[in-house]
Amino acid sequence: FFVLISFCFICWISYSVEGETERLEHRTCLFSSGRLCLSLNKNTDKKAQAGFEGRVSRLEPDVSQKNCSIIINDLKESDSGSYQLRVHGPGVNNTRELTAEAGLCVVIPCSFTTADEFTPKHTIWYKCEASQHSCSDADIIFHSNKNTDKKAQSGFEGRVSRLEPDVSQKNCSIIINDLKESDSGSYQLRVTGELNGKQDGFTFIPRVTVSISSKPEAGLCVVIPCSFTNADEFKPQHVVWYKCEAAKHSCSETDIIFHSNKNTDKKAQAAFEGRVSRLETDVSQKNCSIIINDLKESDSGSYHNDSHTDRGTAGHTDLHCSWSLLWICS
């Protein structure tokens, strides 16, 4: 007689799973035994091993149910072995490698995604050895919760701040000022909050590597965090920053320090050339933040911003800038 044998793996996934992740909208499950045997994402270019094709299926097609059970049919002796699951879920987007000079500052651009059920409350940044899978509390360099007893490393106190204080915006970018060569290393992000009413958090495995070179004669830098809102019919295409007397109602073209349109004949003031850049290159994100490097005492003054289309300036733009008046002290 014949016996039909079937074998299945049962695994319940919680949102505390740690691993290299992608955006939640593209969440997938990957099963492997040395090599890939099944991907639940049919649009991926990662193909299953030929020996498993047509023999592996999932019991629950909706991955949001967090049931990753599979069934393997028509078992063979060669199927013996170790099977592993990988889940792509909540994700972090950041720049993996950054370089900067001692005495200046560096911005680590960062954003993250989470499951809809997860409410982010705080962001935590660590610096630890790249060989460590996850950094520890002793490695903290920044914690957005000022009431926690988890303190930042003494060498980073007062030098790290975030660009967006509202964590619900899912912007985890930070700026590190007064850089030192010892700041070179691997940086890791953790986001804590509530999942279905319970305390939870994610430590994101992707790291940011920062390399600091020595240049002691250089000045410091400042980030002017800025965002804007506008009427729906206005489509922003360029941002322009000016520095002029605070008493002036509006700055003129001769006051320009930065223009995002590289094809314009409106040039920045010579003293600012090569020292001003924006943090977000996509103006549709409505982030008009800029960073000014190698600061000088002459940079003290009043700064103004406009957003433009190719047809003119937005007279109905609402700006939200954390800095509009900048003073440089020697």
C-alpha atoms as a PDB file:
ATOM      1  CA  PHE A   1       0.000   0.000   0.000  1.00  0.00           C
ATOM      2  CA  PHE A   2       1.033   3.604  -0.399  1.00  0.00           C
ATOM      3  CA  VAL A   3       1.270   6.195   2.332  1.00  0.00           C
ATOM      4  CA  LEU A   4       1.027   9.885   1.459  1.00  0.00           C
ATOM      5  CA  ILE A   5       3.375  11.820   3.702  1.00  0.00           C
ATOM      6  CA  SER A   6       3.167  15.577   4.114  1.00  0.00           C
ATOM      7  CA  PHE A   7       5.241  17.815   6.309  1.00  0.00           C
ATOM      8  CA  CYS A   8       4.702  21.433   7.293  1.00  0.00           C
ATOM      9  CA  PHE A   9       6.526  24.131   9.209  1.00  0.00           C
ATOM     10  CA  ILE A  10       4.494  26.228  11.595  1.00  0.00           C
ATOM     11  CA  CYS A  11       5.807  29.587  12.684  1.00  0.00           C
ATOM     12  CA  TRP A  12       4.024  32.547  14.258  1.00  0.00           C
ATOM     13  CA  ILE A  13       5.623  35.891  13.443  1.00  0.00           C
ATOM     14  CA  SER A  14       5.430  38.836  15.837  1.00  0.00           C
ATOM     15  CA  TYR A  15       6.445  42.374  14.995  1.00  0.00           C
ATOM     16  CA  SER A  16       9.429  42.152  17.328  1.00  0.00           C
ATOM     17  CA  VAL A  17      11.307  40.151  14.687  1.00  0.00           C
ATOM     18  CA  GLU A  18      14.711  41.701  13.979  1.00  0.00           C
ATOM     19  CA  GLY A  19      16.468  41.512  10.679  1.00  0.00           C
ATOM     20  CA  GLU A  20      17.423  43.341   7.530  1.00  0.00           C
ATOM     21  CA  THR A  21      14.132  44.788   6.465  1.00  0.00           C
ATOM     22  CA  GLU A  22      12.279  46.436   3.643  1.00  0.00           C
ATOM     23  CA  ARG A  23       9.194  48.631   3.430  1.00  0.00           C
ATOM     24  CA  LEU A  24       6.097  47.065   4.970  1.00  0.00           C
ATOM     25  CA  GLU A  25       4.117  47.424   1.753  1.00  0.00           C
ATOM     26  CA  HIS A  26       6.464  44.854   0.179  1.00  0.00           C
ATOM     27  CA  ARG A  27       6.546  42.465   3.113  1.00  0.00           C
ATOM     28  CA  THR A  28       7.504  38.907   2.174  1.00  0.00           C
ATOM     29  CA  CYS A  29       8.418  35.626   3.817  1.00  0.00           C
ATOM     30  CA  LEU A  30      11.485  33.689   2.715  1.00  0.00           C
ATOM     31  CA  PHE A  31      12.150  30.095   3.713  1.00  0.00           C
ATOM     32  CA  SER A  32      15.581  28.634   3.192  1.00  0.00           C
ATOM     33  CA  SER A  33      17.724  25.602   3.862  1.00  0.00           C
ATOM     34  CA  GLY A  34      21.087  26.906   2.794  1.00  0.00           C
ATOM     35  CA  ARG A  35      19.493  28.227  -0.380  1.00  0.00           C
ATOM     36  CA  LEU A  36      16.029  29.654  -1.065  1.00  0.00           C
ATOM     37  CA  CYS A  37      13.255  27.068  -1.245  1.00  0.00           C
ATOM     38  CA  LEU A  38      10.236  29.406  -1.191  1.00  0.00           C
ATOM     39  CA  SER A  39       9.483  33.097  -1.558  1.00  0.00           C
ATOM     40  CA  LEU A  40       5.945  34.260  -0.892  1.00  0.00           C
ATOM     41  CA  ASN A  41       6.569  37.326  -3.031  1.00  0.00           C
ATOM     42  CA  LYS A  42       5.787  36.282  -6.595  1.00  0.00           C
ATOM     43  CA  ASN A  43       7.253  39.511  -7.971  1.00  0.00           C
ATOM     44  CA  THR A  44      10.753  38.882  -6.638  1.00  0.00           C
ATOM     45  CA  ASP A  45      13.674  37.833  -8.815  1.00  0.00           C
ATOM     46  CA  LYS A  46      14.770  35.418  -6.071  1.00  0.00           C
ATOM     47  CA  LYS A  47      13.778  31.988  -7.346  1.00  0.00           C
ATOM     48  CA  ALA A  48      13.236  28.801  -5.351  1.00  0.00           C
ATOM     49  CA  GLN A  49      15.571  25.854  -5.655  1.00  0.00           C
ATOM     50  CA  ALA A  50      14.588  23.712  -8.624  1.00  0.00           C
ATOM     51  CA  GLY A  51      14.083  20.707  -6.356  1.00  0.00           C
ATOM     52  CA  PHE A  52      11.302  22.466  -4.445  1.00  0.00           C
ATOM     53  CA  GLU A  53       9.388  24.016  -7.331  1.00  0.00           C
ATOM     54  CA  GLY A  54       5.697  23.158  -7.187  1.00  0.00           C
ATOM     55  CA  ARG A  55       6.027  21.300  -3.882  1.00  0.00           C
ATOM     56  CA  VAL A  56       5.902  24.143  -1.349  1.00  0.00           C
ATOM     57  CA  SER A  57       2.852  26.259  -0.543  1.00  0.00           C
ATOM     58  CA  ARG A  58       1.621  28.381   2.352  1.00  0.00           C
ATOM     59  CA  LEU A  59      -1.439  27.644   4.448  1.00  0.00           C
ATOM     60  CA  GLU A  60      -2.436  31.299   4.937  1.00  0.00           C
ATOM     61  CA  PRO A  61      -2.108  33.575   1.872  1.00  0.00           C
ATOM     62  CA  ASP A  62      -2.590  36.784   3.887  1.00  0.00           C
ATOM     63  CA  VAL A  63       0.783  37.507   5.513  1.00  0.00           C
ATOM     64  CA  SER A  64      -0.783  40.236   7.680  1.00  0.00           C
ATOM     65  CA  GLN A  65      -2.325  37.364   9.693  1.00  0.00           C
ATOM     66  CA  LYS A  66       1.248  36.594  10.787  1.00  0.00           C
ATOM     67  CA  ASN A  67       0.864  32.905   9.946  1.00  0.00           C
ATOM     68  CA  CYS A  68       3.889  31.752   7.978  1.00  0.00           C
ATOM     69  CA  SER A  69       3.047  28.040   7.961  1.00  0.00           C
ATOM     70  CA  ILE A  70       4.009  26.089   4.849  1.00  0.00           C
ATOM     71  CA  ILE A  71       3.401  22.587   3.583  1.00  0.00           C
ATOM     72  CA  ILE A  72       5.973  20.602   1.613  1.00  0.00           C
ATOM     73  CA  ASN A  73       4.454  17.813  -0.481  1.00  0.00           C
ATOM     74  CA  ASP A  74       5.930  14.717  -2.107  1.00  0.00           C
ATOM     75  CA  LEU A  75       8.742  14.505   0.442  1.00  0.00           C
ATOM     76  CA  LYS A  76      12.150  13.116  -0.490  1.00  0.00           C
ATOM     77  CA  GLU A  77      15.043  11.996   1.669  1.00  0.00           C
ATOM     78  CA  SER A  78      17.024  14.930   0.259  1.00  0.00           C
ATOM     79  CA  ASP A  79      14.529  17.298   1.951  1.00  0.00           C
ATOM     80  CA  SER A  80      16.141  16.443   5.281  1.00  0.00           C
ATOM     81  CA  GLY A  81      17.916  19.458   6.740  1.00  0.00           C
ATOM     82  CA  SER A  82      17.583  22.754   8.507  1.00  0.00           C
ATOM     83  CA  TYR A  83      14.959  25.283   7.390  1.00  0.00           C
ATOM     84  CA  GLN A  84      15.026  28.969   8.191  1.00  0.00           C
ATOM     85  CA  LEU A  85      12.496  31.785   7.914  1.00  0.00           C
ATOM     86  CA  ARG A  86      13.167  35.412   6.989  1.00  0.00           C
ATOM     87  CA  VAL A  87      10.512  38.105   7.162  1.00  0.00           C
ATOM     88  CA  HIS A  88      10.672  41.459   5.395  1.00  0.00           C
ATOM     89  CA  GLY A  89       8.574  43.940   7.317  1.00  0.00           C
ATOM     90  CA  PRO A  90       9.079  47.277   9.058  1.00  0.00           C
ATOM     91  CA  GLY A  91      11.952  49.086   7.441  1.00  0.00           C
ATOM     92  CA  VAL A  92      14.462  51.852   7.732  1.00  0.00           C
ATOM     93  CA  ASN A  93      15.821  53.966   4.913  1.00  0.00           C
ATOM     94  CA  ASN A  94      19.145  55.635   5.547  1.00  0.00           C
ATOM     95  CA  THR A  95      22.444  56.408   3.903  1.00  0.00           C
ATOM     96  CA  ARG A  96      24.791  53.485   4.599  1.00  0.00           C
ATOM     97  CA  GLU A  97      28.153  55.321   4.399  1.00  0.00           C
ATOM     98  CA  LEU A  98      28.959  58.919   5.277  1.00  0.00           C
ATOM     99  CA  THR A  99      32.194  60.868   5.390  1.00  0.00           C
ATOM    100  CA  ALA A 100      32.847  64.154   7.197  1.00  0.00           C
ATOM    101  CA  GLU A 101      35.668  66.228   8.615  1.00  0.00           C
ATOM    102  CA  ALA A 102      36.629  66.749  12.244  1.00  0.00           C
ATOM    103  CA  GLY A 103      35.307  70.001  13.648  1.00  0.00           C
ATOM    104  CA  LEU A 104      32.342  70.039  11.258  1.00  0.00           C
ATOM    105  CA  CYS A 105      29.019  68.256  11.618  1.00  0.00           C
ATOM    106  CA  VAL A 106      27.348  65.341   9.904  1.00  0.00           C
ATOM    107  CA  VAL A 107      23.672  64.678   9.244  1.00  0.00           C
ATOM    108  CA  ILE A 108      22.557  61.049   9.168  1.00  0.00           C
ATOM    109  CA  PRO A 109      19.446  61.159   6.933  1.00  0.00           C
ATOM    110  CA  CYS A 110      16.973  58.514   8.058  1.00  0.00           C
ATOM    111  CA  SER A 111      13.320  57.542   7.773  1.00  0.00           C
ATOM    112  CA  PHE A 112      11.460  54.401   8.789  1.00  0.00           C
ATOM    113  CA  THR A 113       8.240  52.484   8.204  1.00  0.00           C
ATOM    114  CA  THR A 114       6.299  50.320  10.635  1.00  0.00           C
ATOM    115  CA  ALA A 115       3.176  48.228  10.777  1.00  0.00           C
ATOM    116  CA  ASP A 116      -0.055  50.241  11.024  1.00  0.00           C
ATOM    117  CA  GLU A 117      -0.709  48.732  14.466  1.00  0.00           C
ATOM    118  CA  PHE A 118       2.584  50.078  15.808  1.00  0.00           C
ATOM    119  CA  THR A 119       2.660  53.609  17.241  1.00  0.00           C
ATOM    120  CA  PRO A 120       6.231  54.975  17.394  1.00  0.00           C
ATOM    121  CA  LYS A 121       7.062  56.956  20.531  1.00  0.00           C
ATOM    122  CA  HIS A 122      10.840  57.356  20.713  1.00  0.00           C
ATOM    123  CA  THR A 123      13.982  56.985  18.609  1.00  0.00           C
ATOM    124  CA  ILE A 124      17.293  55.767  19.985  1.00  0.00           C
ATOM    125  CA  TRP A 125      20.650  55.905  18.227  1.00  0.00           C
ATOM    126  CA  TYR A 126      23.651  53.784  19.165  1.00  0.00           C
ATOM    127  CA  LYS A 127      27.311  53.603  18.193  1.00  0.00           C
ATOM    128  CA  CYS A 128      29.000  50.256  18.680  1.00  0.00           C
ATOM    129  CA  GLU A 129      31.304  47.796  16.971  1.00  0.00           C
ATOM    130  CA  ALA A 130      30.063  46.703  13.552  1.00  0.00           C
ATOM    131  CA  SER A 131      30.625  43.091  14.604  1.00  0.00           C
ATOM    132  CA  GLN A 132      27.907  43.376  17.277  1.00  0.00           C
ATOM    133  CA  HIS A 133      24.523  42.132  16.038  1.00  0.00           C
ATOM    134  CA  SER A 134      22.740  44.704  18.195  1.00  0.00           C
ATOM    135  CA  CYS A 135      24.110  47.562  20.241  1.00  0.00           C
ATOM    136  CA  SER A 136      23.435  47.745  23.996  1.00  0.00           C
ATOM    137  CA  ASP A 137      22.226  50.484  26.345  1.00  0.00           C
ATOM    138  CA  ALA A 138      25.852  51.357  27.082  1.00  0.00           C
ATOM    139  CA  ASP A 139      26.250  52.272  23.395  1.00  0.00           C
ATOM    140  CA  ILE A 140      23.482  54.915  23.304  1.00  0.00           C
ATOM    141  CA  ILE A 141      24.461  58.266  21.804  1.00  0.00           C
ATOM    142  CA  PHE A 142      20.951  59.757  21.589  1.00  0.00           C
ATOM    143  CA  HIS A 143      17.571  59.009  23.198  1.00  0.00           C
ATOM    144  CA  SER A 144      14.504  61.108  22.360  1.00  0.00           C
ATOM    145  CA  ASN A 145      12.909  60.270  25.714  1.00  0.00           C
ATOM    146  CA  LYS A 146      14.322  62.854  28.108  1.00  0.00           C
ATOM    147  CA  ASN A 147      12.697  61.050  31.066  1.00  0.00           C
ATOM    148  CA  THR A 148      14.533  57.765  30.572  1.00  0.00           C
ATOM    149  CA  ASP A 149      17.329  56.604  32.851  1.00  0.00           C
ATOM    150  CA  LYS A 150      19.242  55.330  29.811  1.00  0.00           C
ATOM    151  CA  LYS A 151      21.906  57.942  29.296  1.00  0.00           C
ATOM    152  CA  ALA A 152      23.937  58.748  26.196  1.00  0.00           C
ATOM    153  CA  GLN A 153      27.674  58.063  26.115  1.00  0.00           C
ATOM    154  CA  SER A 154      29.434  60.984  27.799  1.00  0.00           C
ATOM    155  CA  GLY A 155      31.444  61.728  24.669  1.00  0.00           C
ATOM    156  CA  PHE A 156      28.251  62.506  22.725  1.00  0.00           C
ATOM    157  CA  GLU A 157      26.345  64.528  25.346  1.00  0.00           C
ATOM    158  CA  GLY A 158      25.120  67.814  23.898  1.00  0.00           C
ATOM    159  CA  ARG A 159      26.415  67.031  20.411  1.00  0.00           C
ATOM    160  CA  VAL A 160      23.534  64.969  18.954  1.00  0.00           C
ATOM    161  CA  SER A 161      20.068  66.245  18.086  1.00  0.00           C
ATOM    162  CA  ARG A 162      17.264  65.178  15.798  1.00  0.00           C
ATOM    163  CA  LEU A 163      15.999  67.164  12.827  1.00  0.00           C
ATOM    164  CA  GLU A 164      12.332  66.280  13.347  1.00  0.00           C
ATOM    165  CA  PRO A 165      11.061  66.231  16.958  1.00  0.00           C
ATOM    166  CA  ASP A 166       7.719  64.618  15.993  1.00  0.00           C
ATOM    167  CA  VAL A 167       8.461  60.888  15.792  1.00  0.00           C
ATOM    168  CA  SER A 168       5.078  60.245  14.155  1.00  0.00           C
ATOM    169  CA  GLN A 169       6.570  61.792  10.992  1.00  0.00           C
ATOM    170  CA  LYS A 170       8.873  58.745  10.927  1.00  0.00           C
ATOM    171  CA  ASN A 171      11.928  60.895  10.314  1.00  0.00           C
ATOM    172  CA  CYS A 172      14.782  59.509  12.398  1.00  0.00           C
ATOM    173  CA  SER A 173      17.486  61.828  11.009  1.00  0.00           C
ATOM    174  CA  ILE A 174      20.054  63.187  13.462  1.00  0.00           C
ATOM    175  CA  ILE A 175      22.874  65.709  13.335  1.00  0.00           C
ATOM    176  CA  ILE A 176      26.163  65.223  15.189  1.00  0.00           C
ATOM    177  CA  ASN A 177      28.045  68.466  15.825  1.00  0.00           C
ATOM    178  CA  ASP A 178      31.692  69.236  16.588  1.00  0.00           C
ATOM    179  CA  LEU A 179      32.869  65.985  15.034  1.00  0.00           C
ATOM    180  CA  LYS A 180      35.884  64.116  16.369  1.00  0.00           C
ATOM    181  CA  GLU A 181      37.908  61.376  14.702  1.00  0.00           C
ATOM    182  CA  SER A 182      36.706  59.033  17.460  1.00  0.00           C
ATOM    183  CA  ASP A 183      33.151  59.469  16.107  1.00  0.00           C
ATOM    184  CA  SER A 184      34.091  57.210  13.193  1.00  0.00           C
ATOM    185  CA  GLY A 185      32.233  53.923  13.431  1.00  0.00           C
ATOM    186  CA  SER A 186      28.966  52.065  13.037  1.00  0.00           C
ATOM    187  CA  TYR A 187      25.639  53.641  14.031  1.00  0.00           C
ATOM    188  CA  GLN A 188      22.381  51.796  14.629  1.00  0.00           C
ATOM    189  CA  LEU A 189      18.746  52.879  15.112  1.00  0.00           C
ATOM    190  CA  ARG A 190      16.043  51.567  17.431  1.00  0.00           C
ATOM    191  CA  VAL A 191      12.425  52.753  17.476  1.00  0.00           C
ATOM    192  CA  THR A 192      10.252  52.082  20.523  1.00  0.00           C
ATOM    193  CA  GLY A 193       6.509  52.499  20.940  1.00  0.00           C
ATOM    194  CA  GLU A 194       3.289  50.581  21.399  1.00  0.00           C
ATOM    195  CA  LEU A 195       1.967  47.579  19.489  1.00  0.00           C
ATOM    196  CA  ASN A 196      -1.674  46.808  20.196  1.00  0.00           C
ATOM    197  CA  GLY A 197      -1.427  48.646  23.526  1.00  0.00           C
ATOM    198  CA  LYS A 198       1.788  46.924  24.653  1.00  0.00           C
ATOM    199  CA  GLN A 199       5.330  48.310  24.811  1.00  0.00           C
ATOM    200  CA  ASP A 200       7.395  47.134  21.862  1.00  0.00           C
ATOM    201  CA  GLY A 201      10.277  48.225  19.676  1.00  0.00           C
ATOM    202  CA  PHE A 202      12.455  47.433  16.671  1.00  0.00           C
ATOM    203  CA  THR A 203      16.219  47.462  16.387  1.00  0.00           C
ATOM    204  CA  PHE A 204      17.016  47.898  12.705  1.00  0.00           C
ATOM    205  CA  ILE A 205      19.897  45.797  11.501  1.00  0.00           C
ATOM    206  CA  PRO A 206      20.997  48.064   8.607  1.00  0.00           C
ATOM    207  CA  ARG A 207      23.797  50.305   9.928  1.00  0.00           C
ATOM    208  CA  VAL A 208      25.252  53.658   8.977  1.00  0.00           C
ATOM    209  CA  THR A 209      29.039  53.832   8.800  1.00  0.00           C
ATOM    210  CA  VAL A 210      30.539  57.255   9.494  1.00  0.00           C
ATOM    211  CA  SER A 211      34.170  58.060   8.680  1.00  0.00           C
ATOM    212  CA  ILE A 212      35.730  61.214  10.164  1.00  0.00           C
ATOM    213  CA  SER A 213      38.920  62.687   8.744  1.00  0.00           C
ATOM    214  CA  SER A 214      41.087  65.240  10.523  1.00  0.00           C
ATOM    215  CA  LYS A 215      40.848  68.886   9.545  1.00  0.00           C
ATOM    216  CA  PRO A 216      41.191  70.919  12.737  1.00  0.00           C
ATOM    217  CA  GLU A 217      41.260  74.323  10.998  1.00  0.00           C
ATOM    218  CA  ALA A 218      37.733  73.919   9.616  1.00  0.00           C
ATOM    219  CA  GLY A 219      34.744  75.779  11.058  1.00  0.00           C
ATOM    220  CA  LEU A 220      31.548  74.281  12.440  1.00  0.00           C
ATOM    221  CA  CYS A 221      28.267  73.884  10.592  1.00  0.00           C
ATOM    222  CA  VAL A 222      24.574  74.446  11.185  1.00  0.00           C
ATOM    223  CA  VAL A 223      21.427  72.785   9.905  1.00  0.00           C
ATOM    224  CA  ILE A 224      18.377  74.975   9.324  1.00  0.00           C
ATOM    225  CA  PRO A 225      15.471  72.494   9.617  1.00  0.00           C
ATOM    226  CA  CYS A 226      12.587  73.666   7.468  1.00  0.00           C
ATOM    227  CA  SER A 227       9.395  72.326   5.912  1.00  0.00           C
ATOM    228  CA  PHE A 228       6.523  73.954   4.063  1.00  0.00           C
ATOM    229  CA  THR A 229       2.886  73.434   3.140  1.00  0.00           C
ATOM    230  CA  ASN A 230       1.121  74.856   0.126  1.00  0.00           C
ATOM    231  CA  ALA A 231      -2.177  74.894  -1.737  1.00  0.00           C
ATOM    232  CA  ASP A 232      -2.952  71.729  -3.696  1.00  0.00           C
ATOM    233  CA  GLU A 233      -2.823  73.559  -7.026  1.00  0.00           C
ATOM    234  CA  PHE A 234       0.753  74.708  -6.370  1.00  0.00           C
ATOM    235  CA  LYS A 235       3.419  72.207  -7.454  1.00  0.00           C
ATOM    236  CA  PRO A 236       6.807  73.173  -5.940  1.00  0.00           C
ATOM    237  CA  GLN A 237       9.827  72.574  -8.143  1.00  0.00           C
ATOM    238  CA  HIS A 238      12.653  74.572  -6.592  1.00  0.00           C
ATOM    239  CA  VAL A 239      13.701  76.042  -3.254  1.00  0.00           C
ATOM    240  CA  VAL A 240      15.702  79.233  -2.865  1.00  0.00           C
ATOM    241  CA  TRP A 241      17.412  80.489   0.278  1.00  0.00           C
ATOM    242  CA  TYR A 242      18.437  84.093   0.887  1.00  0.00           C
ATOM    243  CA  LYS A 243      20.421  85.987   3.513  1.00  0.00           C
ATOM    244  CA  CYS A 244      19.574  89.653   3.876  1.00  0.00           C
ATOM    245  CA  GLU A 245      18.878  92.335   6.453  1.00  0.00           C
ATOM    246  CA  ALA A 246      16.081  91.407   8.840  1.00  0.00           C
ATOM    247  CA  ALA A 247      14.521  94.820   8.283  1.00  0.00           C
ATOM    248  CA  LYS A 248      13.925  94.105   4.581  1.00  0.00           C
ATOM    249  CA  HIS A 249      10.408  92.989   3.682  1.00  0.00           C
ATOM    250  CA  SER A 250      11.791  90.518   1.157  1.00  0.00           C
ATOM    251  CA  CYS A 251      15.240  89.589  -0.056  1.00  0.00           C
ATOM    252  CA  SER A 252      16.445  90.177  -3.606  1.00  0.00           C
ATOM    253  CA  GLU A 253      18.230  88.003  -6.134  1.00  0.00           C
ATOM    254  CA  THR A 254      21.568  89.412  -5.030  1.00  0.00           C
ATOM    255  CA  ASP A 255      20.891  87.938  -1.568  1.00  0.00           C
ATOM    256  CA  ILE A 256      20.636  84.329  -2.774  1.00  0.00           C
ATOM    257  CA  ILE A 257      22.837  81.821  -0.909  1.00  0.00           C
ATOM    258  CA  PHE A 258      21.312  78.626  -2.396  1.00  0.00           C
ATOM    259  CA  HIS A 259      19.178  77.774  -5.437  1.00  0.00           C
ATOM    260  CA  SER A 260      18.127  74.176  -6.133  1.00  0.00           C
ATOM    261  CA  ASN A 261      17.822  74.864  -9.861  1.00  0.00           C
ATOM    262  CA  LYS A 262      21.320  74.333 -11.215  1.00  0.00           C
ATOM    263  CA  ASN A 263      20.252  75.645 -14.613  1.00  0.00           C
ATOM    264  CA  THR A 264      19.246  79.085 -13.388  1.00  0.00           C
ATOM    265  CA  ASP A 265      21.311  82.192 -14.090  1.00  0.00           C
ATOM    266  CA  LYS A 266      20.601  83.396 -10.542  1.00  0.00           C
ATOM    267  CA  LYS A 267      23.835  82.740  -8.698  1.00  0.00           C
ATOM    268  CA  ALA A 268      24.500  82.383  -4.988  1.00  0.00           C
ATOM    269  CA  GLN A 269      26.551  84.957  -3.134  1.00  0.00           C
ATOM    270  CA  ALA A 270      30.228  84.195  -3.706  1.00  0.00           C
ATOM    271  CA  ALA A 271      30.887  83.796   0.033  1.00  0.00           C
ATOM    272  CA  PHE A 272      28.389  80.893   0.219  1.00  0.00           C
ATOM    273  CA  GLU A 273      29.380  78.978  -2.908  1.00  0.00           C
ATOM    274  CA  GLY A 274      30.083  75.329  -2.141  1.00  0.00           C
ATOM    275  CA  ARG A 275      29.092  75.677   1.527  1.00  0.00           C
ATOM    276  CA  VAL A 276      25.288  75.254   1.351  1.00  0.00           C
ATOM    277  CA  SER A 277      23.410  72.075   0.479  1.00  0.00           C
ATOM    278  CA  ARG A 278      19.948  70.693   1.105  1.00  0.00           C
ATOM    279  CA  LEU A 279      19.120  67.585   3.107  1.00  0.00           C
ATOM    280  CA  GLU A 280      16.271  66.385   0.871  1.00  0.00           C
ATOM    281  CA  THR A 281      16.770  66.658  -2.896  1.00  0.00           C
ATOM    282  CA  ASP A 282      13.142  65.849  -3.741  1.00  0.00           C
ATOM    283  CA  VAL A 283      11.258  69.146  -3.286  1.00  0.00           C
ATOM    284  CA  SER A 284       7.910  67.332  -3.478  1.00  0.00           C
ATOM    285  CA  GLN A 285       8.661  66.047   0.035  1.00  0.00           C
ATOM    286  CA  LYS A 286       8.271  69.692   1.158  1.00  0.00           C
ATOM    287  CA  ASN A 287      11.452  69.542   3.183  1.00  0.00           C
ATOM    288  CA  CYS A 288      13.445  72.744   2.581  1.00  0.00           C
ATOM    289  CA  SER A 289      16.118  72.100   5.231  1.00  0.00           C
ATOM    290  CA  ILE A 290      19.682  73.141   4.411  1.00  0.00           C
ATOM    291  CA  ILE A 291      23.099  72.685   5.971  1.00  0.00           C
ATOM    292  CA  ILE A 292      25.742  75.439   5.961  1.00  0.00           C
ATOM    293  CA  ASN A 293      29.296  74.200   6.385  1.00  0.00           C
ATOM    294  CA  ASP A 294      32.514  75.907   7.453  1.00  0.00           C
ATOM    295  CA  LEU A 295      30.682  78.664   9.327  1.00  0.00           C
ATOM    296  CA  LYS A 296      32.099  82.168   9.601  1.00  0.00           C
ATOM    297  CA  GLU A 297      31.177  85.066  11.845  1.00  0.00           C
ATOM    298  CA  SER A 298      29.949  86.896   8.742  1.00  0.00           C
ATOM    299  CA  ASP A 299      27.260  84.200   8.328  1.00  0.00           C
ATOM    300  CA  SER A 300      25.348  85.701  11.265  1.00  0.00           C
ATOM    301  CA  GLY A 301      22.101  87.225  10.086  1.00  0.00           C
ATOM    302  CA  SER A 302      18.570  86.626   8.870  1.00  0.00           C
ATOM    303  CA  TYR A 303      17.779  83.827   6.434  1.00  0.00           C
ATOM    304  CA  HIS A 304      14.679  83.505   4.261  1.00  0.00           C
ATOM    305  CA  ASN A 305      13.238  80.815   2.025  1.00  0.00           C
ATOM    306  CA  ASP A 306      10.979  80.704  -1.045  1.00  0.00           C
ATOM    307  CA  SER A 307       9.556  77.789  -3.010  1.00  0.00           C
ATOM    308  CA  HIS A 308       9.099  78.191  -6.749  1.00  0.00           C
ATOM    309  CA  THR A 309       7.532  76.696  -9.825  1.00  0.00           C
ATOM    310  CA  ASP A 310       8.970  77.483 -13.217  1.00  0.00           C
ATOM    311  CA  ARG A 311       6.332  80.217 -13.411  1.00  0.00           C
ATOM    312  CA  GLY A 312       7.162  82.044 -10.226  1.00  0.00           C
ATOM    313  CA  THR A 313       7.215  82.147  -6.428  1.00  0.00           C
ATOM    314  CA  ALA A 314       4.581  80.668  -4.134  1.00  0.00           C
ATOM    315  CA  GLY A 315       2.947  83.568  -2.372  1.00  0.00           C
ATOM    316  CA  HIS A 316       0.776  81.220  -0.346  1.00  0.00           C
ATOM    317  CA  THR A 317       3.443  78.922   1.055  1.00  0.00           C
ATOM    318  CA  ASP A 318       3.423  78.292   4.820  1.00  0.00           C
ATOM    319  CA  LEU A 319       6.963  77.776   6.124  1.00  0.00           C
ATOM    320  CA  HIS A 320       7.898  75.905   9.294  1.00  0.00           C
ATOM    321  CA  CYS A 321      11.541  76.686  10.035  1.00  0.00           C
ATOM    322  CA  SER A 322      13.293  75.952  13.303  1.00  0.00           C
ATOM    323  CA  TRP A 323      15.957  78.599  12.536  1.00  0.00           C
ATOM    324  CA  SER A 324      15.389  81.899  10.758  1.00  0.00           C
ATOM    325  CA  LEU A 325      17.975  84.012  12.582  1.00  0.00           C
ATOM    326  CA  LEU A 326      21.477  82.637  12.813  1.00  0.00           C
ATOM    327  CA  TRP A 327      24.263  83.976  15.018  1.00  0.00           C
ATOM    328  CA  ILE A 328      27.809  82.723  14.791  1.00  0.00           C
ATOM    329  CA  CYS A 329      30.066  83.179  17.807  1.00  0.00           C
ATOM    330  CA  SER A 330      33.833  82.980  17.682  1.00  0.00           C
END
